Amino acid sequence: MIVDSVFGGKVKTHRFTIWTQQAAEHVAFDVQPGSTIDDVEKADPSLVRVKKELDKIELKARFKASAMLPPCVYFERHEGKRFTRIK
């Protein structure tokens, strides 16, 4: 990086300072090409997480269609927020 080789490794102004630093080493894992997550789950189920969450797209569709929702699901309306856009 240019910042590392010039300005003593830092660029300082009256408002901010810019510098680089090394990220910590890490290990990444993924499913082997040609295999699926189901293959991993069959080999060792403890290596696969299953995340349960509400299907908000389906809930919204049912809500718009005035369909009954289960009593264990609630909803609340939120007013749209005003925000500024800069282009």
PDB file of N, CA and C in Angstrom:
ATOM      1  N   MET A   1       0.835  -1.181   0.000  1.00  0.00           N
ATOM      2  CA  MET A   1       0.000   0.000   0.000  1.00  0.00           C
ATOM      3  C   MET A   1       0.881   1.246   0.000  1.00  0.00           C
ATOM      4  N   ILE A   2       0.400   2.278  -0.635  1.00  0.00           N
ATOM      5  CA  ILE A   2       1.158   3.517  -0.741  1.00  0.00           C
ATOM      6  C   ILE A   2       1.375   4.139   0.632  1.00  0.00           C
ATOM      7  N   VAL A   3       0.370   4.094   1.478  1.00  0.00           N
ATOM      8  CA  VAL A   3       0.487   4.722   2.799  1.00  0.00           C
ATOM      9  C   VAL A   3       1.608   4.077   3.604  1.00  0.00           C
ATOM     10  N   ASP A   4       1.819   2.766   3.436  1.00  0.00           N
ATOM     11  CA  ASP A   4       2.886   2.081   4.158  1.00  0.00           C
ATOM     12  C   ASP A   4       4.265   2.565   3.728  1.00  0.00           C
ATOM     13  N   SER A   5       4.426   2.906   2.452  1.00  0.00           N
ATOM     14  CA  SER A   5       5.752   3.243   1.941  1.00  0.00           C
ATOM     15  C   SER A   5       6.090   4.729   1.973  1.00  0.00           C
ATOM     16  N   VAL A   6       5.108   5.594   2.156  1.00  0.00           N
ATOM     17  CA  VAL A   6       5.372   7.039   2.203  1.00  0.00           C
ATOM     18  C   VAL A   6       4.795   7.641   3.472  1.00  0.00           C
ATOM     19  N   PHE A   7       5.172   8.822   3.781  1.00  0.00           N
ATOM     20  CA  PHE A   7       4.658   9.588   4.931  1.00  0.00           C
ATOM     21  C   PHE A   7       4.900   8.879   6.260  1.00  0.00           C
ATOM     22  N   GLY A   8       5.886   8.002   6.332  1.00  0.00           N
ATOM     23  CA  GLY A   8       6.159   7.306   7.591  1.00  0.00           C
ATOM     24  C   GLY A   8       5.039   6.363   7.999  1.00  0.00           C
ATOM     25  N   GLY A   9       4.235   5.932   7.043  1.00  0.00           N
ATOM     26  CA  GLY A   9       3.156   4.992   7.336  1.00  0.00           C
ATOM     27  C   GLY A   9       1.856   5.642   7.767  1.00  0.00           C
ATOM     28  N   LYS A  10       1.837   6.973   7.940  1.00  0.00           N
ATOM     29  CA  LYS A  10       0.606   7.671   8.348  1.00  0.00           C
ATOM     30  C   LYS A  10       0.451   8.960   7.571  1.00  0.00           C
ATOM     31  N   VAL A  11      -0.784   9.302   7.268  1.00  0.00           N
ATOM     32  CA  VAL A  11      -1.113  10.591   6.670  1.00  0.00           C
ATOM     33  C   VAL A  11      -1.941  11.335   7.712  1.00  0.00           C
ATOM     34  N   LYS A  12      -1.419  12.463   8.192  1.00  0.00           N
ATOM     35  CA  LYS A  12      -2.117  13.235   9.225  1.00  0.00           C
ATOM     36  C   LYS A  12      -2.563  14.573   8.666  1.00  0.00           C
ATOM     37  N   THR A  13      -3.811  14.940   8.972  1.00  0.00           N
ATOM     38  CA  THR A  13      -4.304  16.275   8.665  1.00  0.00           C
ATOM     39  C   THR A  13      -4.854  16.849   9.960  1.00  0.00           C
ATOM     40  N   HIS A  14      -5.347  18.058   9.920  1.00  0.00           N
ATOM     41  CA  HIS A  14      -5.903  18.658  11.134  1.00  0.00           C
ATOM     42  C   HIS A  14      -7.239  18.018  11.532  1.00  0.00           C
ATOM     43  N   ARG A  15      -7.876  17.259  10.618  1.00  0.00           N
ATOM     44  CA  ARG A  15      -9.168  16.640  10.929  1.00  0.00           C
ATOM     45  C   ARG A  15      -9.092  15.134  11.156  1.00  0.00           C
ATOM     46  N   PHE A  16      -8.165  14.440  10.514  1.00  0.00           N
ATOM     47  CA  PHE A  16      -8.118  12.985  10.629  1.00  0.00           C
ATOM     48  C   PHE A  16      -6.724  12.453  10.345  1.00  0.00           C
ATOM     49  N   THR A  17      -6.517  11.178  10.687  1.00  0.00           N
ATOM     50  CA  THR A  17      -5.273  10.462  10.415  1.00  0.00           C
ATOM     51  C   THR A  17      -5.618   9.171   9.686  1.00  0.00           C
ATOM     52  N   ILE A  18      -4.833   8.831   8.675  1.00  0.00           N
ATOM     53  CA  ILE A  18      -5.048   7.601   7.909  1.00  0.00           C
ATOM     54  C   ILE A  18      -3.802   6.730   8.062  1.00  0.00           C
ATOM     55  N   TRP A  19      -4.011   5.458   8.354  1.00  0.00           N
ATOM     56  CA  TRP A  19      -2.907   4.509   8.438  1.00  0.00           C
ATOM     57  C   TRP A  19      -3.426   3.126   8.120  1.00  0.00           C
ATOM     58  N   THR A  20      -2.517   2.187   7.941  1.00  0.00           N
ATOM     59  CA  THR A  20      -2.910   0.812   7.671  1.00  0.00           C
ATOM     60  C   THR A  20      -2.510  -0.053   8.856  1.00  0.00           C
ATOM     61  N   GLN A  21      -3.152  -1.191   8.954  1.00  0.00           N
ATOM     62  CA  GLN A  21      -2.759  -2.163   9.964  1.00  0.00           C
ATOM     63  C   GLN A  21      -3.094  -3.552   9.458  1.00  0.00           C
ATOM     64  N   GLN A  22      -2.452  -4.528  10.002  1.00  0.00           N
ATOM     65  CA  GLN A  22      -2.630  -5.918   9.596  1.00  0.00           C
ATOM     66  C   GLN A  22      -3.812  -6.524  10.348  1.00  0.00           C
ATOM     67  N   ALA A  23      -4.719  -7.157   9.629  1.00  0.00           N
ATOM     68  CA  ALA A  23      -5.834  -7.862  10.263  1.00  0.00           C
ATOM     69  C   ALA A  23      -5.308  -9.145  10.901  1.00  0.00           C
ATOM     70  N   ALA A  24      -6.000  -9.622  11.925  1.00  0.00           N
ATOM     71  CA  ALA A  24      -5.615 -10.860  12.593  1.00  0.00           C
ATOM     72  C   ALA A  24      -5.763 -12.045  11.647  1.00  0.00           C
ATOM     73  N   GLU A  25      -4.915 -13.039  11.820  1.00  0.00           N
ATOM     74  CA  GLU A  25      -5.002 -14.259  11.033  1.00  0.00           C
ATOM     75  C   GLU A  25      -6.310 -14.974  11.363  1.00  0.00           C
ATOM     76  N   HIS A  26      -6.896 -15.611  10.366  1.00  0.00           N
ATOM     77  CA  HIS A  26      -8.138 -16.344  10.606  1.00  0.00           C
ATOM     78  C   HIS A  26      -8.193 -17.578   9.705  1.00  0.00           C
ATOM     79  N   VAL A  27      -9.084 -18.461  10.027  1.00  0.00           N
ATOM     80  CA  VAL A  27      -9.270 -19.690   9.252  1.00  0.00           C
ATOM     81  C   VAL A  27     -10.682 -19.659   8.688  1.00  0.00           C
ATOM     82  N   ALA A  28     -10.826 -19.953   7.401  1.00  0.00           N
ATOM     83  CA  ALA A  28     -12.142 -19.974   6.761  1.00  0.00           C
ATOM     84  C   ALA A  28     -12.500 -21.418   6.401  1.00  0.00           C
ATOM     85  N   PHE A  29     -13.772 -21.763   6.549  1.00  0.00           N
ATOM     86  CA  PHE A  29     -14.258 -23.099   6.228  1.00  0.00           C
ATOM     87  C   PHE A  29     -15.375 -22.991   5.212  1.00  0.00           C
ATOM     88  N   ASP A  30     -15.470 -23.974   4.320  1.00  0.00           N
ATOM     89  CA  ASP A  30     -16.560 -24.015   3.352  1.00  0.00           C
ATOM     90  C   ASP A  30     -16.768 -25.469   2.941  1.00  0.00           C
ATOM     91  N   VAL A  31     -17.848 -25.717   2.250  1.00  0.00           N
ATOM     92  CA  VAL A  31     -18.158 -27.057   1.770  1.00  0.00           C
ATOM     93  C   VAL A  31     -17.286 -27.345   0.548  1.00  0.00           C
ATOM     94  N   GLN A  32     -16.710 -28.524   0.531  1.00  0.00           N
ATOM     95  CA  GLN A  32     -15.834 -28.959  -0.563  1.00  0.00           C
ATOM     96  C   GLN A  32     -16.581 -28.892  -1.906  1.00  0.00           C
ATOM     97  N   PRO A  33     -15.968 -28.392  -2.972  1.00  0.00           N
ATOM     98  CA  PRO A  33     -16.628 -28.395  -4.275  1.00  0.00           C
ATOM     99  C   PRO A  33     -17.064 -29.816  -4.645  1.00  0.00           C
ATOM    100  N   GLY A  34     -18.260 -29.945  -5.152  1.00  0.00           N
ATOM    101  CA  GLY A  34     -18.819 -31.251  -5.491  1.00  0.00           C
ATOM    102  C   GLY A  34     -19.596 -31.874  -4.348  1.00  0.00           C
ATOM    103  N   SER A  35     -19.550 -31.251  -3.171  1.00  0.00           N
ATOM    104  CA  SER A  35     -20.319 -31.728  -2.017  1.00  0.00           C
ATOM    105  C   SER A  35     -21.397 -30.709  -1.679  1.00  0.00           C
ATOM    106  N   THR A  36     -22.316 -31.103  -0.819  1.00  0.00           N
ATOM    107  CA  THR A  36     -23.367 -30.194  -0.376  1.00  0.00           C
ATOM    108  C   THR A  36     -23.371 -30.135   1.141  1.00  0.00           C
ATOM    109  N   ILE A  37     -24.078 -29.160   1.681  1.00  0.00           N
ATOM    110  CA  ILE A  37     -24.203 -29.042   3.131  1.00  0.00           C
ATOM    111  C   ILE A  37     -24.897 -30.277   3.713  1.00  0.00           C
ATOM    112  N   ASP A  38     -25.758 -30.901   2.914  1.00  0.00           N
ATOM    113  CA  ASP A  38     -26.416 -32.140   3.364  1.00  0.00           C
ATOM    114  C   ASP A  38     -25.403 -33.267   3.556  1.00  0.00           C
ATOM    115  N   ASP A  39     -24.372 -33.307   2.714  1.00  0.00           N
ATOM    116  CA  ASP A  39     -23.312 -34.309   2.870  1.00  0.00           C
ATOM    117  C   ASP A  39     -22.574 -34.106   4.199  1.00  0.00           C
ATOM    118  N   VAL A  40     -22.319 -32.847   4.533  1.00  0.00           N
ATOM    119  CA  VAL A  40     -21.655 -32.547   5.806  1.00  0.00           C
ATOM    120  C   VAL A  40     -22.548 -32.962   6.968  1.00  0.00           C
ATOM    121  N   GLU A  41     -23.840 -32.661   6.861  1.00  0.00           N
ATOM    122  CA  GLU A  41     -24.777 -33.003   7.935  1.00  0.00           C
ATOM    123  C   GLU A  41     -24.873 -34.518   8.129  1.00  0.00           C
ATOM    124  N   LYS A  42     -24.829 -35.277   7.034  1.00  0.00           N
ATOM    125  CA  LYS A  42     -24.864 -36.739   7.140  1.00  0.00           C
ATOM    126  C   LYS A  42     -23.607 -37.262   7.829  1.00  0.00           C
ATOM    127  N   ALA A  43     -22.457 -36.667   7.509  1.00  0.00           N
ATOM    128  CA  ALA A  43     -21.191 -37.113   8.088  1.00  0.00           C
ATOM    129  C   ALA A  43     -21.099 -36.768   9.568  1.00  0.00           C
ATOM    130  N   ASP A  44     -21.532 -35.559   9.943  1.00  0.00           N
ATOM    131  CA  ASP A  44     -21.478 -35.120  11.344  1.00  0.00           C
ATOM    132  C   ASP A  44     -22.480 -33.990  11.551  1.00  0.00           C
ATOM    133  N   PRO A  45     -23.673 -34.303  12.056  1.00  0.00           N
ATOM    134  CA  PRO A  45     -24.723 -33.288  12.226  1.00  0.00           C
ATOM    135  C   PRO A  45     -24.326 -32.118  13.125  1.00  0.00           C
ATOM    136  N   SER A  46     -23.363 -32.317  14.013  1.00  0.00           N
ATOM    137  CA  SER A  46     -22.968 -31.229  14.914  1.00  0.00           C
ATOM    138  C   SER A  46     -22.207 -30.115  14.187  1.00  0.00           C
ATOM    139  N   LEU A  47     -21.820 -30.353  12.940  1.00  0.00           N
ATOM    140  CA  LEU A  47     -21.093 -29.335  12.179  1.00  0.00           C
ATOM    141  C   LEU A  47     -22.011 -28.413  11.378  1.00  0.00           C
ATOM    142  N   VAL A  48     -23.329 -28.632  11.452  1.00  0.00           N
ATOM    143  CA  VAL A  48     -24.282 -27.841  10.670  1.00  0.00           C
ATOM    144  C   VAL A  48     -25.265 -27.163  11.618  1.00  0.00           C
ATOM    145  N   ARG A  49     -25.435 -25.855  11.442  1.00  0.00           N
ATOM    146  CA  ARG A  49     -26.411 -25.093  12.228  1.00  0.00           C
ATOM    147  C   ARG A  49     -27.681 -24.928  11.425  1.00  0.00           C
ATOM    148  N   VAL A  50     -28.804 -24.967  12.100  1.00  0.00           N
ATOM    149  CA  VAL A  50     -30.089 -24.701  11.464  1.00  0.00           C
ATOM    150  C   VAL A  50     -30.678 -23.496  12.174  1.00  0.00           C
ATOM    151  N   LYS A  51     -30.976 -22.462  11.427  1.00  0.00           N
ATOM    152  CA  LYS A  51     -31.507 -21.232  11.996  1.00  0.00           C
ATOM    153  C   LYS A  51     -32.998 -21.166  11.700  1.00  0.00           C
ATOM    154  N   LYS A  52     -33.807 -21.146  12.750  1.00  0.00           N
ATOM    155  CA  LYS A  52     -35.251 -21.011  12.568  1.00  0.00           C
ATOM    156  C   LYS A  52     -35.618 -19.550  12.741  1.00  0.00           C
ATOM    157  N   GLU A  53     -36.409 -19.046  11.815  1.00  0.00           N
ATOM    158  CA  GLU A  53     -36.863 -17.663  11.891  1.00  0.00           C
ATOM    159  C   GLU A  53     -38.203 -17.540  11.178  1.00  0.00           C
ATOM    160  N   LEU A  54     -38.913 -16.473  11.484  1.00  0.00           N
ATOM    161  CA  LEU A  54     -40.198 -16.237  10.833  1.00  0.00           C
ATOM    162  C   LEU A  54     -39.985 -15.944   9.347  1.00  0.00           C
ATOM    163  N   ASP A  55     -40.864 -16.458   8.522  1.00  0.00           N
ATOM    164  CA  ASP A  55     -40.849 -16.161   7.091  1.00  0.00           C
ATOM    165  C   ASP A  55     -41.624 -14.856   6.911  1.00  0.00           C
ATOM    166  N   LYS A  56     -40.921 -13.741   6.968  1.00  0.00           N
ATOM    167  CA  LYS A  56     -41.570 -12.427   6.955  1.00  0.00           C
ATOM    168  C   LYS A  56     -42.228 -12.117   5.616  1.00  0.00           C
ATOM    169  N   ILE A  57     -41.726 -12.702   4.542  1.00  0.00           N
ATOM    170  CA  ILE A  57     -42.343 -12.492   3.228  1.00  0.00           C
ATOM    171  C   ILE A  57     -43.721 -13.150   3.204  1.00  0.00           C
ATOM    172  N   GLU A  58     -43.807 -14.375   3.692  1.00  0.00           N
ATOM    173  CA  GLU A  58     -45.099 -15.072   3.748  1.00  0.00           C
ATOM    174  C   GLU A  58     -46.050 -14.379   4.718  1.00  0.00           C
ATOM    175  N   LEU A  59     -45.541 -13.941   5.867  1.00  0.00           N
ATOM    176  CA  LEU A  59     -46.393 -13.240   6.831  1.00  0.00           C
ATOM    177  C   LEU A  59     -46.947 -11.948   6.230  1.00  0.00           C
ATOM    178  N   LYS A  60     -46.116 -11.206   5.520  1.00  0.00           N
ATOM    179  CA  LYS A  60     -46.565  -9.955   4.903  1.00  0.00           C
ATOM    180  C   LYS A  60     -47.631 -10.223   3.846  1.00  0.00           C
ATOM    181  N   ALA A  61     -47.437 -11.290   3.055  1.00  0.00           N
ATOM    182  CA  ALA A  61     -48.420 -11.639   2.026  1.00  0.00           C
ATOM    183  C   ALA A  61     -49.759 -11.992   2.671  1.00  0.00           C
ATOM    184  N   ARG A  62     -49.731 -12.774   3.742  1.00  0.00           N
ATOM    185  CA  ARG A  62     -50.975 -13.133   4.434  1.00  0.00           C
ATOM    186  C   ARG A  62     -51.626 -11.917   5.072  1.00  0.00           C
ATOM    187  N   PHE A  63     -50.816 -11.027   5.636  1.00  0.00           N
ATOM    188  CA  PHE A  63     -51.335  -9.816   6.263  1.00  0.00           C
ATOM    189  C   PHE A  63     -52.027  -8.943   5.224  1.00  0.00           C
ATOM    190  N   LYS A  64     -51.388  -8.763   4.067  1.00  0.00           N
ATOM    191  CA  LYS A  64     -51.982  -7.948   3.002  1.00  0.00           C
ATOM    192  C   LYS A  64     -53.263  -8.571   2.477  1.00  0.00           C
ATOM    193  N   ALA A  65     -53.353  -9.915   2.507  1.00  0.00           N
ATOM    194  CA  ALA A  65     -54.549 -10.612   2.032  1.00  0.00           C
ATOM    195  C   ALA A  65     -55.606 -10.722   3.137  1.00  0.00           C
ATOM    196  N   SER A  66     -55.360 -10.090   4.280  1.00  0.00           N
ATOM    197  CA  SER A  66     -56.267 -10.126   5.436  1.00  0.00           C
ATOM    198  C   SER A  66     -56.524 -11.551   5.931  1.00  0.00           C
ATOM    199  N   ALA A  67     -55.545 -12.417   5.759  1.00  0.00           N
ATOM    200  CA  ALA A  67     -55.670 -13.792   6.252  1.00  0.00           C
ATOM    201  C   ALA A  67     -55.382 -13.809   7.758  1.00  0.00           C
ATOM    202  N   MET A  68     -55.937 -14.787   8.425  1.00  0.00           N
ATOM    203  CA  MET A  68     -55.723 -14.922   9.863  1.00  0.00           C
ATOM    204  C   MET A  68     -54.288 -15.377  10.126  1.00  0.00           C
ATOM    205  N   LEU A  69     -53.671 -14.758  11.113  1.00  0.00           N
ATOM    206  CA  LEU A  69     -52.339 -15.174  11.545  1.00  0.00           C
ATOM    207  C   LEU A  69     -52.493 -15.965  12.839  1.00  0.00           C
ATOM    208  N   PRO A  70     -51.595 -16.895  13.114  1.00  0.00           N
ATOM    209  CA  PRO A  70     -51.685 -17.644  14.372  1.00  0.00           C
ATOM    210  C   PRO A  70     -51.600 -16.685  15.563  1.00  0.00           C
ATOM    211  N   PRO A  71     -52.261 -17.014  16.657  1.00  0.00           N
ATOM    212  CA  PRO A  71     -52.245 -16.112  17.809  1.00  0.00           C
ATOM    213  C   PRO A  71     -50.851 -15.923  18.413  1.00  0.00           C
ATOM    214  N   CYS A  72     -49.915 -16.803  18.118  1.00  0.00           N
ATOM    215  CA  CYS A  72     -48.562 -16.667  18.661  1.00  0.00           C
ATOM    216  C   CYS A  72     -47.690 -15.712  17.829  1.00  0.00           C
ATOM    217  N   VAL A  73     -48.242 -15.139  16.752  1.00  0.00           N
ATOM    218  CA  VAL A  73     -47.524 -14.168  15.924  1.00  0.00           C
ATOM    219  C   VAL A  73     -48.206 -12.822  16.100  1.00  0.00           C
ATOM    220  N   TYR A  74     -47.414 -11.785  16.373  1.00  0.00           N
ATOM    221  CA  TYR A  74     -48.000 -10.449  16.482  1.00  0.00           C
ATOM    222  C   TYR A  74     -47.340  -9.532  15.467  1.00  0.00           C
ATOM    223  N   PHE A  75     -47.965  -8.400  15.246  1.00  0.00           N
ATOM    224  CA  PHE A  75     -47.395  -7.414  14.330  1.00  0.00           C
ATOM    225  C   PHE A  75     -47.600  -6.040  14.922  1.00  0.00           C
ATOM    226  N   GLU A  76     -46.798  -5.105  14.479  1.00  0.00           N
ATOM    227  CA  GLU A  76     -46.981  -3.706  14.850  1.00  0.00           C
ATOM    228  C   GLU A  76     -46.626  -2.856  13.641  1.00  0.00           C
ATOM    229  N   ARG A  77     -47.390  -1.813  13.467  1.00  0.00           N
ATOM    230  CA  ARG A  77     -47.162  -0.912  12.332  1.00  0.00           C
ATOM    231  C   ARG A  77     -46.153   0.154  12.747  1.00  0.00           C
ATOM    232  N   HIS A  78     -45.259   0.460  11.809  1.00  0.00           N
ATOM    233  CA  HIS A  78     -44.272   1.509  12.030  1.00  0.00           C
ATOM    234  C   HIS A  78     -44.439   2.548  10.934  1.00  0.00           C
ATOM    235  N   GLU A  79     -44.483   3.798  11.348  1.00  0.00           N
ATOM    236  CA  GLU A  79     -44.595   4.882  10.383  1.00  0.00           C
ATOM    237  C   GLU A  79     -43.302   4.989   9.588  1.00  0.00           C
ATOM    238  N   GLY A  80     -43.402   5.354   8.318  1.00  0.00           N
ATOM    239  CA  GLY A  80     -42.203   5.544   7.516  1.00  0.00           C
ATOM    240  C   GLY A  80     -41.360   6.683   8.070  1.00  0.00           C
ATOM    241  N   LYS A  81     -40.052   6.521   8.049  1.00  0.00           N
ATOM    242  CA  LYS A  81     -39.149   7.550   8.573  1.00  0.00           C
ATOM    243  C   LYS A  81     -38.687   8.449   7.436  1.00  0.00           C
ATOM    244  N   ARG A  82     -38.540   9.706   7.726  1.00  0.00           N
ATOM    245  CA  ARG A  82     -38.046  10.663   6.747  1.00  0.00           C
ATOM    246  C   ARG A  82     -36.520  10.654   6.814  1.00  0.00           C
ATOM    247  N   PHE A  83     -35.869  10.645   5.654  1.00  0.00           N
ATOM    248  CA  PHE A  83     -34.417  10.641   5.637  1.00  0.00           C
ATOM    249  C   PHE A  83     -33.916  11.491   4.483  1.00  0.00           C
ATOM    250  N   THR A  84     -32.647  11.831   4.538  1.00  0.00           N
ATOM    251  CA  THR A  84     -32.028  12.670   3.531  1.00  0.00           C
ATOM    252  C   THR A  84     -31.208  11.803   2.578  1.00  0.00           C
ATOM    253  N   ARG A  85     -31.315  12.083   1.289  1.00  0.00           N
ATOM    254  CA  ARG A  85     -30.516  11.359   0.295  1.00  0.00           C
ATOM    255  C   ARG A  85     -29.585  12.354  -0.379  1.00  0.00           C
ATOM    256  N   ILE A  86     -28.359  11.954  -0.550  1.00  0.00           N
ATOM    257  CA  ILE A  86     -27.364  12.796  -1.232  1.00  0.00           C
ATOM    258  C   ILE A  86     -26.784  11.986  -2.372  1.00  0.00           C
ATOM    259  N   LYS A  87     -26.715  12.592  -3.521  1.00  0.00           N
ATOM    260  CA  LYS A  87     -26.188  11.888  -4.681  1.00  0.00           C
ATOM    261  C   LYS A  87     -25.061  12.663  -5.298  1.00  0.00           C
TER     262      LYS A  87
END
